[in-house]
Amino acid sequence: MADGSCYQEALSNAQTIIGQWLDAALSLGRVIPEARGRLLFA
């Protein structure tokens, strides 16, 4: 979960966490599935 004092800061923090998660998963040899578009019920 990412938070911030405003929407832009929370979004920036979330993007940072997503990038770090991807880096860690790839370094562990995990397969990252391709994006399938927007979720309908999120």
Protein backbone atom coordinates (compact mmCIF):
# COMPACT_ATOMS: atom_id res chain seq x y z
CA MET A 1 0.00 0.00 0.00
CA ALA A 2 1.30 3.44 -0.87
CA ASP A 3 0.12 6.63 0.70
CA GLY A 4 0.94 10.31 0.52
CA SER A 5 -0.21 13.72 1.61
CA CYS A 6 -1.96 14.23 -1.75
CA TYR A 7 -3.13 12.15 -4.71
CA GLN A 8 -0.02 12.87 -6.78
CA GLU A 9 2.33 11.84 -3.98
CA ALA A 10 0.38 8.61 -3.35
CA LEU A 11 0.46 7.80 -7.07
CA SER A 12 4.18 8.49 -7.28
CA ASN A 13 4.79 6.27 -4.24
CA ALA A 14 2.69 3.49 -5.77
CA GLN A 15 4.65 3.67 -9.04
CA THR A 16 7.91 3.45 -7.09
CA ILE A 17 6.70 0.37 -5.20
CA ILE A 18 5.51 -1.30 -8.41
CA GLY A 19 8.91 -0.74 -10.01
CA GLN A 20 10.72 -2.15 -6.98
CA TRP A 21 8.43 -5.19 -6.93
CA LEU A 22 9.10 -5.85 -10.62
CA ASP A 23 12.86 -5.52 -10.11
CA ALA A 24 12.77 -7.96 -7.18
CA ALA A 25 10.57 -10.47 -9.01
CA LEU A 26 12.79 -10.43 -12.10
CA SER A 27 15.96 -10.82 -10.01
CA LEU A 28 14.38 -13.92 -8.45
CA GLY A 29 13.65 -15.32 -11.92
CA ARG A 30 9.89 -14.98 -11.66
CA VAL A 31 7.80 -14.58 -14.79
CA ILE A 32 5.92 -11.29 -15.03
CA PRO A 33 2.68 -11.75 -16.99
CA GLU A 34 1.78 -9.31 -19.73
CA ALA A 35 -0.84 -6.70 -18.89
CA ARG A 36 -4.30 -7.61 -20.15
CA GLY A 37 -5.89 -4.17 -19.99
CA ARG A 38 -7.98 -2.51 -17.34
CA LEU A 39 -9.79 -4.50 -14.70
CA LEU A 40 -13.54 -4.27 -14.99
CA PHE A 41 -14.31 -4.60 -11.29
CA ALA A 42 -11.43 -2.81 -9.57
